[in-house]
C-alpha atoms as a PDB file:
ATOM      1  CA  MET A   1     -43.964  28.480  64.770  1.00  0.00           C
ATOM      2  CA  ASP A   2     -41.140  30.817  63.787  1.00  0.00           C
ATOM      3  CA  ASP A   3     -38.859  29.520  66.526  1.00  0.00           C
ATOM      4  CA  LEU A   4     -38.864  25.916  65.256  1.00  0.00           C
ATOM      5  CA  THR A   5     -35.591  26.610  63.490  1.00  0.00           C
ATOM      6  CA  LEU A   6     -34.266  23.083  64.091  1.00  0.00           C
ATOM      7  CA  ASP A   7     -37.492  21.234  63.309  1.00  0.00           C
ATOM      8  CA  GLY A   8     -36.792  17.594  62.459  1.00  0.00           C
ATOM      9  CA  LYS A   9     -33.025  17.887  62.846  1.00  0.00           C
ATOM     10  CA  VAL A  10     -31.163  15.148  64.729  1.00  0.00           C
ATOM     11  CA  ALA A  11     -28.689  16.598  67.216  1.00  0.00           C
ATOM     12  CA  ILE A  12     -26.104  14.738  69.286  1.00  0.00           C
ATOM     13  CA  ILE A  13     -24.967  16.783  72.283  1.00  0.00           C
ATOM     14  CA  THR A  14     -22.216  15.120  74.277  1.00  0.00           C
ATOM     15  CA  GLY A  15     -22.054  15.619  78.023  1.00  0.00           C
ATOM     16  CA  SER A  16     -25.642  16.826  78.155  1.00  0.00           C
ATOM     17  CA  SER A  17     -26.942  15.523  81.475  1.00  0.00           C
ATOM     18  CA  ARG A  18     -26.089  18.788  83.252  1.00  0.00           C
ATOM     19  CA  GLY A  19     -24.680  22.269  82.918  1.00  0.00           C
ATOM     20  CA  ILE A  20     -24.179  23.816  79.503  1.00  0.00           C
ATOM     21  CA  GLY A  21     -24.933  20.532  77.741  1.00  0.00           C
ATOM     22  CA  GLU A  22     -28.286  20.240  79.484  1.00  0.00           C
ATOM     23  CA  GLY A  23     -29.163  23.773  78.453  1.00  0.00           C
ATOM     24  CA  LEU A  24     -28.244  23.032  74.847  1.00  0.00           C
ATOM     25  CA  ALA A  25     -30.333  19.853  74.798  1.00  0.00           C
ATOM     26  CA  VAL A  26     -33.417  21.637  76.102  1.00  0.00           C
ATOM     27  CA  GLU A  27     -33.041  24.645  73.789  1.00  0.00           C
ATOM     28  CA  PHE A  28     -32.416  22.519  70.697  1.00  0.00           C
ATOM     29  CA  ALA A  29     -35.506  20.469  71.549  1.00  0.00           C
ATOM     30  CA  ARG A  30     -37.519  23.640  72.066  1.00  0.00           C
ATOM     31  CA  ARG A  31     -36.568  24.584  68.525  1.00  0.00           C
ATOM     32  CA  GLY A  32     -37.807  21.249  67.207  1.00  0.00           C
ATOM     33  CA  ALA A  33     -34.719  19.029  67.156  1.00  0.00           C
ATOM     34  CA  LYS A  34     -34.587  15.335  67.989  1.00  0.00           C
ATOM     35  CA  VAL A  35     -31.956  15.251  70.702  1.00  0.00           C
ATOM     36  CA  VAL A  36     -29.442  12.618  71.785  1.00  0.00           C
ATOM     37  CA  ILE A  37     -28.383  13.146  75.412  1.00  0.00           C
ATOM     38  CA  THR A  38     -25.069  11.521  76.293  1.00  0.00           C
ATOM     39  CA  TYR A  39     -23.460  10.958  79.670  1.00  0.00           C
ATOM     40  CA  THR A  40     -20.600   8.866  81.035  1.00  0.00           C
ATOM     41  CA  SER A  41     -21.111   7.628  84.577  1.00  0.00           C
ATOM     42  CA  GLU A  42     -23.996   5.771  86.158  1.00  0.00           C
ATOM     43  CA  SER A  43     -24.196   8.559  88.724  1.00  0.00           C
ATOM     44  CA  SER A  44     -25.366  10.893  85.939  1.00  0.00           C
ATOM     45  CA  SER A  45     -28.173   8.590  84.797  1.00  0.00           C
ATOM     46  CA  ALA A  46     -30.826  10.244  86.953  1.00  0.00           C
ATOM     47  CA  LYS A  47     -29.771  13.675  85.707  1.00  0.00           C
ATOM     48  CA  ALA A  48     -30.021  12.456  82.121  1.00  0.00           C
ATOM     49  CA  ASP A  49     -33.500  11.107  82.894  1.00  0.00           C
ATOM     50  CA  LYS A  50     -34.520  14.543  84.157  1.00  0.00           C
ATOM     51  CA  VAL A  51     -33.365  16.205  80.941  1.00  0.00           C
ATOM     52  CA  LEU A  52     -35.090  13.508  78.901  1.00  0.00           C
ATOM     53  CA  SER A  53     -38.342  13.993  80.801  1.00  0.00           C
ATOM     54  CA  CYS A  54     -38.168  17.734  80.277  1.00  0.00           C
ATOM     55  CA  ILE A  55     -37.849  17.214  76.527  1.00  0.00           C
ATOM     56  CA  VAL A  56     -40.252  14.351  75.816  1.00  0.00           C
ATOM     57  CA  GLY A  57     -42.665  14.828  78.689  1.00  0.00           C
ATOM     58  CA  TYR A  58     -44.539  17.737  80.114  1.00  0.00           C
ATOM     59  CA  GLN A  59     -42.642  20.596  78.489  1.00  0.00           C
ATOM     60  CA  TYR A  60     -41.842  20.120  74.806  1.00  0.00           C
ATOM     61  CA  GLY A  61     -43.082  16.726  73.651  1.00  0.00           C
ATOM     62  CA  ARG A  62     -40.092  16.243  71.347  1.00  0.00           C
ATOM     63  CA  SER A  63     -38.233  13.051  70.505  1.00  0.00           C
ATOM     64  CA  ALA A  64     -35.116  12.354  72.527  1.00  0.00           C
ATOM     65  CA  ILE A  65     -32.988   9.489  73.786  1.00  0.00           C
ATOM     66  CA  LYS A  66     -30.221   9.125  76.332  1.00  0.00           C
ATOM     67  CA  VAL A  67     -27.033   7.157  75.741  1.00  0.00           C
ATOM     68  CA  GLN A  68     -24.440   6.164  78.322  1.00  0.00           C
ATOM     69  CA  ALA A  69     -21.000   5.968  76.721  1.00  0.00           C
ATOM     70  CA  ASP A  70     -17.449   6.839  77.700  1.00  0.00           C
ATOM     71  CA  LEU A  71     -15.826   9.105  75.124  1.00  0.00           C
ATOM     72  CA  ARG A  72     -12.418   8.263  76.567  1.00  0.00           C
ATOM     73  CA  THR A  73     -12.742   4.793  75.045  1.00  0.00           C
ATOM     74  CA  LEU A  74     -12.420   3.838  71.397  1.00  0.00           C
ATOM     75  CA  GLU A  75     -15.904   2.310  71.490  1.00  0.00           C
ATOM     76  CA  GLY A  76     -17.764   5.230  73.073  1.00  0.00           C
ATOM     77  CA  PRO A  77     -18.299   7.392  69.973  1.00  0.00           C
ATOM     78  CA  SER A  78     -19.488   4.485  67.824  1.00  0.00           C
ATOM     79  CA  GLN A  79     -21.904   3.444  70.589  1.00  0.00           C
ATOM     80  CA  ILE A  80     -23.474   6.902  70.547  1.00  0.00           C
ATOM     81  CA  VAL A  81     -23.781   6.942  66.767  1.00  0.00           C
ATOM     82  CA  ALA A  82     -25.262   3.424  66.676  1.00  0.00           C
ATOM     83  CA  ALA A  83     -27.872   4.337  69.296  1.00  0.00           C
ATOM     84  CA  THR A  84     -28.737   7.502  67.378  1.00  0.00           C
ATOM     85  CA  LEU A  85     -29.245   5.698  64.074  1.00  0.00           C
ATOM     86  CA  LYS A  86     -31.309   3.015  65.793  1.00  0.00           C
ATOM     87  CA  ALA A  87     -33.597   5.599  67.404  1.00  0.00           C
ATOM     88  CA  PHE A  88     -33.907   7.725  64.267  1.00  0.00           C
ATOM     89  CA  PRO A  89     -33.253   5.260  61.410  1.00  0.00           C
ATOM     90  CA  ASP A  90     -34.570   7.436  58.599  1.00  0.00           C
ATOM     91  CA  ASP A  91     -33.003  10.701  59.628  1.00  0.00           C
ATOM     92  CA  GLY A  92     -29.210  10.497  59.686  1.00  0.00           C
ATOM     93  CA  ILE A  93     -27.426  13.071  61.855  1.00  0.00           C
ATOM     94  CA  ASP A  94     -27.612  16.820  61.306  1.00  0.00           C
ATOM     95  CA  ILE A  95     -25.857  18.395  64.275  1.00  0.00           C
ATOM     96  CA  LEU A  96     -22.982  17.383  66.540  1.00  0.00           C
ATOM     97  CA  VAL A  97     -22.090  19.443  69.589  1.00  0.00           C
ATOM     98  CA  ASN A  98     -18.814  18.350  71.161  1.00  0.00           C
ATOM     99  CA  ASN A  99     -19.550  19.578  74.669  1.00  0.00           C
ATOM    100  CA  ALA A 100     -18.232  16.807  76.948  1.00  0.00           C
ATOM    101  CA  GLY A 101     -15.084  17.823  78.744  1.00  0.00           C
ATOM    102  CA  CYS A 102     -13.098  17.760  81.968  1.00  0.00           C
ATOM    103  CA  GLU A 103     -10.407  19.772  83.669  1.00  0.00           C
ATOM    104  CA  VAL A 104      -7.478  19.381  86.027  1.00  0.00           C
ATOM    105  CA  GLN A 105      -6.289  22.514  87.797  1.00  0.00           C
ATOM    106  CA  LYS A 106      -2.635  22.125  88.758  1.00  0.00           C
ATOM    107  CA  ARG A 107       0.554  24.093  88.429  1.00  0.00           C
ATOM    108  CA  LEU A 108       2.993  22.856  85.799  1.00  0.00           C
ATOM    109  CA  SER A 109       5.343  21.371  88.406  1.00  0.00           C
ATOM    110  CA  GLU A 110       2.493  19.234  89.786  1.00  0.00           C
ATOM    111  CA  VAL A 111       1.027  17.863  86.547  1.00  0.00           C
ATOM    112  CA  THR A 112       1.412  14.109  86.084  1.00  0.00           C
ATOM    113  CA  ALA A 113       1.308  11.933  82.986  1.00  0.00           C
ATOM    114  CA  GLU A 114      -1.971  10.543  84.314  1.00  0.00           C
ATOM    115  CA  ASP A 115      -3.414  14.069  84.479  1.00  0.00           C
ATOM    116  CA  LEU A 116      -2.382  14.674  80.885  1.00  0.00           C
ATOM    117  CA  GLN A 117      -4.025  11.479  79.714  1.00  0.00           C
ATOM    118  CA  TYR A 118      -7.183  12.153  81.742  1.00  0.00           C
ATOM    119  CA  VAL A 119      -7.777  15.558  80.157  1.00  0.00           C
ATOM    120  CA  TYR A 120      -6.564  14.880  76.628  1.00  0.00           C
ATOM    121  CA  ASP A 121      -8.323  11.531  76.230  1.00  0.00           C
ATOM    122  CA  LEU A 122     -11.671  13.287  76.604  1.00  0.00           C
ATOM    123  CA  ASN A 123     -11.202  16.881  75.503  1.00  0.00           C
ATOM    124  CA  VAL A 124      -8.967  16.179  72.505  1.00  0.00           C
ATOM    125  CA  ARG A 125      -9.053  12.527  71.469  1.00  0.00           C
ATOM    126  CA  GLY A 126     -12.712  12.137  72.408  1.00  0.00           C
ATOM    127  CA  THR A 127     -13.674  15.164  70.325  1.00  0.00           C
ATOM    128  CA  MET A 128     -11.735  13.862  67.336  1.00  0.00           C
ATOM    129  CA  LEU A 129     -13.117  10.315  67.523  1.00  0.00           C
ATOM    130  CA  MET A 130     -16.685  11.488  68.120  1.00  0.00           C
ATOM    131  CA  THR A 131     -16.561  13.699  65.054  1.00  0.00           C
ATOM    132  CA  GLN A 132     -15.027  10.935  62.954  1.00  0.00           C
ATOM    133  CA  ALA A 133     -17.802   8.563  64.014  1.00  0.00           C
ATOM    134  CA  VAL A 134     -20.530  11.040  63.073  1.00  0.00           C
ATOM    135  CA  LEU A 135     -19.032  12.184  59.780  1.00  0.00           C
ATOM    136  CA  PRO A 136     -20.210   9.305  57.512  1.00  0.00           C
ATOM    137  CA  HIS A 137     -23.781   9.923  58.684  1.00  0.00           C
ATOM    138  CA  LEU A 138     -23.759  13.741  58.684  1.00  0.00           C
ATOM    139  CA  ARG A 139     -26.450  15.062  56.368  1.00  0.00           C
ATOM    140  CA  ARG A 140     -25.805  18.116  54.251  1.00  0.00           C
ATOM    141  CA  PRO A 141     -25.803  20.843  55.471  1.00  0.00           C
ATOM    142  CA  GLY A 142     -24.326  19.472  58.684  1.00  0.00           C
ATOM    143  CA  ARG A 143     -23.368  21.502  61.708  1.00  0.00           C
ATOM    144  CA  ILE A 144     -20.468  20.735  64.041  1.00  0.00           C
ATOM    145  CA  ILE A 145     -20.081  22.930  67.120  1.00  0.00           C
ATOM    146  CA  ASN A 146     -17.133  22.553  69.474  1.00  0.00           C
ATOM    147  CA  ILE A 147     -17.522  23.889  73.011  1.00  0.00           C
ATOM    148  CA  ALA A 148     -14.122  25.082  74.170  1.00  0.00           C
ATOM    149  CA  SER A 149     -13.416  27.859  76.694  1.00  0.00           C
ATOM    150  CA  VAL A 150     -12.047  31.364  77.034  1.00  0.00           C
ATOM    151  CA  ALA A 151      -9.244  29.614  78.926  1.00  0.00           C
ATOM    152  CA  ALA A 152      -7.849  28.554  75.539  1.00  0.00           C
ATOM    153  CA  ARG A 153      -6.528  32.097  75.056  1.00  0.00           C
ATOM    154  CA  ALA A 154      -6.603  33.649  78.514  1.00  0.00           C
ATOM    155  CA  GLY A 155      -3.326  32.327  79.934  1.00  0.00           C
ATOM    156  CA  LEU A 156      -4.641  31.347  83.356  1.00  0.00           C
ATOM    157  CA  SER A 157      -2.181  30.067  85.951  1.00  0.00           C
ATOM    158  CA  GLY A 158      -2.762  26.417  86.815  1.00  0.00           C
ATOM    159  CA  TYR A 159      -4.851  25.672  83.739  1.00  0.00           C
ATOM    160  CA  SER A 160      -2.201  24.554  81.247  1.00  0.00           C
ATOM    161  CA  LEU A 161      -3.791  21.137  80.631  1.00  0.00           C
ATOM    162  CA  TYR A 162      -7.335  22.427  80.293  1.00  0.00           C
ATOM    163  CA  ALA A 163      -6.415  25.524  78.298  1.00  0.00           C
ATOM    164  CA  SER A 164      -4.216  23.647  75.846  1.00  0.00           C
ATOM    165  CA  SER A 165      -6.874  20.976  75.302  1.00  0.00           C
ATOM    166  CA  LYS A 166      -9.428  23.680  74.505  1.00  0.00           C
ATOM    167  CA  ALA A 167      -6.954  25.415  72.200  1.00  0.00           C
ATOM    168  CA  ALA A 168      -6.714  22.103  70.350  1.00  0.00           C
ATOM    169  CA  MET A 169     -10.470  22.252  69.818  1.00  0.00           C
ATOM    170  CA  GLU A 170     -10.046  25.674  68.229  1.00  0.00           C
ATOM    171  CA  GLY A 171      -7.464  24.159  65.896  1.00  0.00           C
ATOM    172  CA  PHE A 172      -9.798  21.298  65.033  1.00  0.00           C
ATOM    173  CA  THR A 173     -12.495  23.834  64.219  1.00  0.00           C
ATOM    174  CA  ARG A 174     -10.474  25.721  61.633  1.00  0.00           C
ATOM    175  CA  CYS A 175      -9.051  22.613  59.968  1.00  0.00           C
ATOM    176  CA  TRP A 176     -12.377  20.787  59.823  1.00  0.00           C
ATOM    177  CA  ALA A 177     -14.106  23.866  58.445  1.00  0.00           C
ATOM    178  CA  ALA A 178     -11.581  23.901  55.609  1.00  0.00           C
ATOM    179  CA  GLU A 179     -11.977  20.166  54.984  1.00  0.00           C
ATOM    180  CA  LEU A 180     -15.750  19.827  55.218  1.00  0.00           C
ATOM    181  CA  GLY A 181     -16.973  23.002  53.570  1.00  0.00           C
ATOM    182  CA  ALA A 182     -17.162  21.398  50.131  1.00  0.00           C
ATOM    183  CA  ASP A 183     -19.764  19.004  51.541  1.00  0.00           C
ATOM    184  CA  GLY A 184     -21.885  21.903  52.779  1.00  0.00           C
ATOM    185  CA  HIS A 185     -20.973  21.413  56.437  1.00  0.00           C
ATOM    186  CA  THR A 186     -19.976  24.186  58.822  1.00  0.00           C
ATOM    187  CA  VAL A 187     -17.743  23.866  61.873  1.00  0.00           C
ATOM    188  CA  ASN A 188     -17.566  26.503  64.579  1.00  0.00           C
ATOM    189  CA  CYS A 189     -16.279  26.845  68.124  1.00  0.00           C
ATOM    190  CA  VAL A 190     -17.896  28.563  71.104  1.00  0.00           C
ATOM    191  CA  ASN A 191     -15.721  29.700  73.997  1.00  0.00           C
ATOM    192  CA  PRO A 192     -17.867  30.293  77.089  1.00  0.00           C
ATOM    193  CA  GLY A 193     -16.551  32.506  79.826  1.00  0.00           C
ATOM    194  CA  PRO A 194     -17.628  32.013  83.449  1.00  0.00           C
ATOM    195  CA  VAL A 195     -21.064  30.357  83.481  1.00  0.00           C
ATOM    196  CA  ASP A 196     -23.462  29.951  86.398  1.00  0.00           C
ATOM    197  CA  THR A 197     -23.353  26.159  86.718  1.00  0.00           C
ATOM    198  CA  ASP A 198     -22.350  23.799  89.518  1.00  0.00           C
ATOM    199  CA  MET A 199     -18.726  23.908  88.345  1.00  0.00           C
ATOM    200  CA  ILE A 200     -18.357  27.629  88.996  1.00  0.00           C
ATOM    201  CA  TYR A 201     -18.903  27.088  92.712  1.00  0.00           C
ATOM    202  CA  GLN A 202     -15.815  24.885  92.898  1.00  0.00           C
ATOM    203  CA  ILE A 203     -13.731  27.994  92.212  1.00  0.00           C
ATOM    204  CA  ASN A 204     -12.556  30.441  94.868  1.00  0.00           C
ATOM    205  CA  PRO A 205     -15.471  32.892  95.420  1.00  0.00           C
ATOM    206  CA  ASP A 206     -13.090  35.865  95.290  1.00  0.00           C
ATOM    207  CA  ILE A 207     -11.987  34.822  91.802  1.00  0.00           C
ATOM    208  CA  VAL A 208     -15.590  34.426  90.651  1.00  0.00           C
ATOM    209  CA  GLU A 209     -16.480  37.863  91.993  1.00  0.00           C
ATOM    210  CA  ALA A 210     -13.496  39.377  90.200  1.00  0.00           C
ATOM    211  CA  GLN A 211     -14.585  37.701  86.967  1.00  0.00           C
ATOM    212  CA  LYS A 212     -18.065  39.163  87.324  1.00  0.00           C
ATOM    213  CA  LYS A 213     -16.732  42.659  87.953  1.00  0.00           C
ATOM    214  CA  SER A 214     -14.505  42.461  84.857  1.00  0.00           C
ATOM    215  CA  THR A 215     -17.357  41.344  82.568  1.00  0.00           C
ATOM    216  CA  PRO A 216     -18.522  44.397  80.575  1.00  0.00           C
ATOM    217  CA  VAL A 217     -22.096  43.215  80.017  1.00  0.00           C
ATOM    218  CA  GLU A 218     -24.024  43.634  83.272  1.00  0.00           C
ATOM    219  CA  GLN A 219     -21.061  42.443  85.395  1.00  0.00           C
ATOM    220  CA  ARG A 220     -22.545  39.001  85.907  1.00  0.00           C
ATOM    221  CA  LEU A 221     -21.943  35.347  85.145  1.00  0.00           C
ATOM    222  CA  ALA A 222     -23.389  33.913  81.968  1.00  0.00           C
ATOM    223  CA  THR A 223     -26.506  31.817  82.238  1.00  0.00           C
ATOM    224  CA  VAL A 224     -26.671  28.477  80.476  1.00  0.00           C
ATOM    225  CA  ASP A 225     -29.292  30.001  78.197  1.00  0.00           C
ATOM    226  CA  ASP A 226     -26.861  32.731  77.125  1.00  0.00           C
ATOM    227  CA  ILE A 227     -24.631  30.008  75.697  1.00  0.00           C
ATOM    228  CA  ALA A 228     -27.493  27.900  74.348  1.00  0.00           C
ATOM    229  CA  GLN A 229     -28.854  30.734  72.214  1.00  0.00           C
ATOM    230  CA  ILE A 230     -25.503  31.218  70.474  1.00  0.00           C
ATOM    231  CA  CYS A 231     -25.110  27.506  69.801  1.00  0.00           C
ATOM    232  CA  ALA A 232     -28.678  27.161  68.552  1.00  0.00           C
ATOM    233  CA  PHE A 233     -28.039  29.889  65.989  1.00  0.00           C
ATOM    234  CA  LEU A 234     -24.874  28.143  64.802  1.00  0.00           C
ATOM    235  CA  ALA A 235     -26.877  24.916  64.432  1.00  0.00           C
ATOM    236  CA  GLU A 236     -29.566  26.363  62.191  1.00  0.00           C
ATOM    237  CA  GLU A 237     -29.753  27.251  58.503  1.00  0.00           C
ATOM    238  CA  ARG A 238     -29.323  30.994  59.018  1.00  0.00           C
ATOM    239  CA  SER A 239     -25.713  30.446  60.143  1.00  0.00           C
ATOM    240  CA  ARG A 240     -24.769  28.866  56.796  1.00  0.00           C
ATOM    241  CA  TRP A 241     -22.096  31.469  55.966  1.00  0.00           C
ATOM    242  CA  VAL A 242     -20.317  31.218  59.318  1.00  0.00           C
ATOM    243  CA  THR A 243     -17.627  28.547  59.551  1.00  0.00           C
ATOM    244  CA  GLY A 244     -14.175  28.100  61.027  1.00  0.00           C
ATOM    245  CA  GLN A 245     -14.925  30.741  63.651  1.00  0.00           C
ATOM    246  CA  THR A 246     -14.352  30.861  67.398  1.00  0.00           C
ATOM    247  CA  ILE A 247     -16.933  32.951  69.229  1.00  0.00           C
ATOM    248  CA  SER A 248     -16.201  34.326  72.680  1.00  0.00           C
ATOM    249  CA  ALA A 249     -19.448  33.825  74.602  1.00  0.00           C
ATOM    250  CA  SER A 250     -18.312  35.752  77.635  1.00  0.00           C
ATOM    251  CA  GLY A 251     -20.177  39.045  77.821  1.00  0.00           C
ATOM    252  CA  GLY A 252     -16.965  40.720  76.722  1.00  0.00           C
ATOM    253  CA  TRP A 253     -14.796  39.136  79.420  1.00  0.00           C
ATOM    254  CA  THR A 254     -12.563  38.235  76.503  1.00  0.00           C
ATOM    255  CA  MET A 255     -12.766  39.899  73.096  1.00  0.00           C
ATOM    256  CA  TYR A 256     -11.329  38.357  69.905  1.00  0.00           C
END
């Protein structure tokens, strides 16, 4: 089939029990990848099982595993890599999507040191340590995709922790692309705009409506599949000459 563009590839997608990560896991599997679904809390186990069933069961029949690990810890990334290599011992790792993330929405005067640690331990340190853990096992031509946010450049009030952590991921992307290109690896960043997931409904409805109206393409929220299609392209061979780039996946809500 022409759409099996990731056939046989091993893909780790962090934070993939729901939302954008879930959509990426399903789309990568649809394209033939062996997928590693990661999640943090026990409360997400059932959601991870649902994604796993969708991939290996009635829908696609692909290989997939789920791994519970906390990327805020030093051990979490190595646990994910070890489980991946155990499940797919002859394959190495081809694709890493650093999707797991969190946010704290507070004005500058309200931000605490604990808030800073909470966001940066996952969004920044977790991304760095996860990539370091994968790197020795990344097969040429490897693909690293960082999921950041349009907030990294938008200057949104109350989002200084989240936005700065996502801006760090953009910085990682450019530096790692420069470092890893000689090994045939590419590193890119995708900045989703407002996406129709559970998280969007935690935001003031008036703000969401304003975001929709200011989105040039169809004046709507993105679907998870809108983001998944972009990431799937970046993961496949045809994207080989794209690296170090940040792509605004926002329907034109932001334009770089």
